């Protein structure tokens, strides 16, 4: 089993972990049918439309 020969410094450790901090929230767009916020390139959870067509039937 591999065992580290030297201790990893805090700077080196934190440099490795820094990429996770740069993540941002996904961008929301407005549904053209119901004008609710939704994730881009996905079916609207409120009305079930995607690119002007009803993809998922919703109960109203």
N, C-alpha and C. Protein backbone atom coordinates (compact mmCIF):
# COMPACT_ATOMS: atom_id res chain seq x y z
N UNK A 1 0.84 -1.19 0.00
CA UNK A 1 0.00 0.00 0.00
C UNK A 1 0.88 1.25 0.00
N UNK A 2 0.52 2.25 -0.79
CA UNK A 2 1.33 3.46 -0.89
C UNK A 2 1.14 4.33 0.34
N UNK A 3 2.27 4.81 0.87
CA UNK A 3 2.26 5.68 2.04
C UNK A 3 3.04 6.93 1.68
N UNK A 4 2.50 8.13 1.97
CA UNK A 4 3.23 9.35 1.63
C UNK A 4 4.54 9.45 2.41
N UNK A 5 5.59 9.84 1.72
CA UNK A 5 6.90 9.95 2.36
C UNK A 5 6.99 11.23 3.19
N UNK A 6 6.40 12.31 2.66
CA UNK A 6 6.43 13.60 3.35
C UNK A 6 5.02 14.12 3.55
N UNK A 7 4.89 14.97 4.55
CA UNK A 7 3.59 15.57 4.85
C UNK A 7 3.22 16.55 3.74
N UNK A 8 1.94 16.56 3.35
CA UNK A 8 1.46 17.52 2.36
C UNK A 8 1.21 18.85 3.05
N UNK A 9 1.81 19.91 2.52
CA UNK A 9 1.66 21.21 3.15
C UNK A 9 0.22 21.72 2.97
N UNK A 10 -0.17 22.65 3.83
CA UNK A 10 -1.52 23.21 3.78
C UNK A 10 -1.75 23.95 2.47
N UNK A 11 -0.73 24.63 1.97
CA UNK A 11 -0.87 25.38 0.71
C UNK A 11 -1.13 24.42 -0.45
N UNK A 12 -0.38 23.33 -0.50
CA UNK A 12 -0.55 22.37 -1.59
C UNK A 12 -1.93 21.69 -1.49
N UNK A 13 -2.32 21.35 -0.27
CA UNK A 13 -3.63 20.73 -0.04
C UNK A 13 -4.76 21.67 -0.45
N UNK A 14 -4.66 22.93 -0.05
CA UNK A 14 -5.72 23.89 -0.34
C UNK A 14 -5.78 24.25 -1.82
N UNK A 15 -4.62 24.22 -2.50
CA UNK A 15 -4.61 24.46 -3.95
C UNK A 15 -5.41 23.38 -4.67
N UNK A 16 -5.28 22.16 -4.21
CA UNK A 16 -5.99 21.05 -4.81
C UNK A 16 -7.50 21.19 -4.59
N UNK A 17 -7.90 21.68 -3.44
CA UNK A 17 -9.32 21.80 -3.11
C UNK A 17 -9.97 23.08 -3.65
N UNK A 18 -9.19 24.01 -4.16
CA UNK A 18 -9.70 25.32 -4.56
C UNK A 18 -10.65 25.25 -5.75
N UNK A 19 -10.52 24.23 -6.59
CA UNK A 19 -11.36 24.17 -7.78
C UNK A 19 -12.82 23.96 -7.44
N UNK A 20 -13.13 23.37 -6.29
CA UNK A 20 -14.51 23.15 -5.91
C UNK A 20 -15.21 24.43 -5.51
N UNK A 21 -14.46 25.43 -5.08
CA UNK A 21 -15.06 26.69 -4.64
C UNK A 21 -15.58 27.48 -5.84
N UNK A 22 -14.97 27.27 -7.01
CA UNK A 22 -15.32 28.07 -8.18
C UNK A 22 -16.65 27.68 -8.81
N UNK A 23 -17.27 26.60 -8.33
CA UNK A 23 -18.55 26.18 -8.90
C UNK A 23 -19.62 27.22 -8.61
N UNK A 24 -20.49 27.44 -9.58
CA UNK A 24 -21.56 28.41 -9.40
C UNK A 24 -22.90 27.72 -9.62
N UNK A 25 -23.94 28.39 -9.22
CA UNK A 25 -25.29 27.85 -9.38
C UNK A 25 -25.63 27.75 -10.86
N UNK A 26 -26.43 26.77 -11.26
CA UNK A 26 -26.79 26.65 -12.67
C UNK A 26 -27.63 27.84 -13.13
N UNK A 27 -27.44 28.24 -14.38
CA UNK A 27 -28.16 29.39 -14.91
C UNK A 27 -29.62 29.05 -15.18
N UNK A 28 -30.49 29.91 -14.73
CA UNK A 28 -31.93 29.72 -14.96
C UNK A 28 -32.38 30.57 -16.13
N UNK A 29 -33.31 30.05 -16.91
CA UNK A 29 -33.92 30.81 -17.98
C UNK A 29 -35.42 30.85 -17.72
N UNK A 30 -36.14 31.65 -18.48
CA UNK A 30 -37.58 31.81 -18.30
C UNK A 30 -38.30 30.97 -19.35
N UNK A 31 -39.28 30.21 -18.91
CA UNK A 31 -40.07 29.39 -19.82
C UNK A 31 -40.94 30.32 -20.68
N UNK A 32 -40.91 30.16 -22.02
CA UNK A 32 -41.73 31.03 -22.86
C UNK A 32 -43.23 30.75 -22.76
N UNK A 33 -43.61 29.59 -22.26
CA UNK A 33 -45.04 29.24 -22.16
C UNK A 33 -45.66 29.80 -20.88
N UNK A 34 -45.06 29.47 -19.74
CA UNK A 34 -45.66 29.84 -18.46
C UNK A 34 -44.89 30.92 -17.72
N UNK A 35 -43.74 31.34 -18.25
CA UNK A 35 -42.91 32.41 -17.69
C UNK A 35 -42.40 32.10 -16.29
N UNK A 36 -42.19 30.82 -16.00
CA UNK A 36 -41.59 30.40 -14.73
C UNK A 36 -40.10 30.15 -14.95
N UNK A 37 -39.27 30.34 -13.94
CA UNK A 37 -37.84 30.02 -14.11
C UNK A 37 -37.64 28.52 -14.24
N UNK A 38 -36.72 28.12 -15.14
CA UNK A 38 -36.42 26.71 -15.34
C UNK A 38 -34.96 26.57 -15.72
N UNK A 39 -34.42 25.36 -15.59
CA UNK A 39 -33.05 25.11 -16.01
C UNK A 39 -32.98 25.12 -17.53
N UNK A 40 -31.90 25.65 -18.07
CA UNK A 40 -31.74 25.75 -19.52
C UNK A 40 -31.62 24.35 -20.13
N UNK A 41 -32.17 24.16 -21.31
CA UNK A 41 -32.10 22.92 -22.08
C UNK A 41 -32.78 21.76 -21.37
N UNK A 42 -33.81 22.04 -20.59
CA UNK A 42 -34.57 21.00 -19.91
C UNK A 42 -36.05 21.30 -20.00
N UNK A 43 -36.85 20.28 -19.82
CA UNK A 43 -38.31 20.43 -19.85
C UNK A 43 -38.74 21.28 -18.66
N UNK A 44 -39.69 22.16 -18.88
CA UNK A 44 -40.21 23.00 -17.80
C UNK A 44 -40.98 22.12 -16.84
N UNK A 45 -40.65 22.21 -15.57
CA UNK A 45 -41.33 21.40 -14.56
C UNK A 45 -42.73 21.88 -14.27
N UNK A 46 -43.04 23.10 -14.62
CA UNK A 46 -44.35 23.66 -14.32
C UNK A 46 -45.38 23.30 -15.40
N UNK A 47 -45.03 23.50 -16.69
CA UNK A 47 -46.00 23.28 -17.76
C UNK A 47 -45.69 22.07 -18.63
N UNK A 48 -44.46 21.54 -18.57
CA UNK A 48 -44.12 20.35 -19.34
C UNK A 48 -43.74 20.62 -20.79
N UNK A 49 -43.48 21.87 -21.15
CA UNK A 49 -43.12 22.21 -22.53
C UNK A 49 -41.61 22.27 -22.68
N UNK A 50 -41.14 21.92 -23.89
CA UNK A 50 -39.73 22.08 -24.25
C UNK A 50 -39.68 22.45 -25.72
N UNK A 51 -39.06 23.57 -26.03
CA UNK A 51 -38.93 24.10 -27.39
C UNK A 51 -40.28 24.22 -28.11
N UNK A 52 -41.28 24.70 -27.39
CA UNK A 52 -42.57 24.97 -27.99
C UNK A 52 -43.49 23.77 -28.12
N UNK A 53 -43.05 22.59 -27.68
CA UNK A 53 -43.89 21.39 -27.77
C UNK A 53 -44.11 20.83 -26.38
N UNK A 54 -45.30 20.27 -26.14
CA UNK A 54 -45.57 19.65 -24.86
C UNK A 54 -44.94 18.26 -24.85
N UNK A 55 -43.98 18.07 -23.96
CA UNK A 55 -43.24 16.82 -23.89
C UNK A 55 -43.77 15.96 -22.76
N UNK A 56 -44.12 16.57 -21.65
CA UNK A 56 -44.63 15.86 -20.49
C UNK A 56 -46.02 16.37 -20.19
N UNK A 57 -46.96 15.46 -20.10
CA UNK A 57 -48.35 15.85 -19.79
C UNK A 57 -48.42 16.24 -18.31
N UNK A 58 -49.05 17.38 -18.04
CA UNK A 58 -49.21 17.86 -16.67
C UNK A 58 -50.68 17.95 -16.32
N UNK A 59 -50.98 17.76 -15.05
CA UNK A 59 -52.36 17.89 -14.60
C UNK A 59 -52.63 19.35 -14.28
N UNK A 60 -53.73 19.86 -14.76
CA UNK A 60 -54.06 21.27 -14.50
C UNK A 60 -55.37 21.39 -13.80
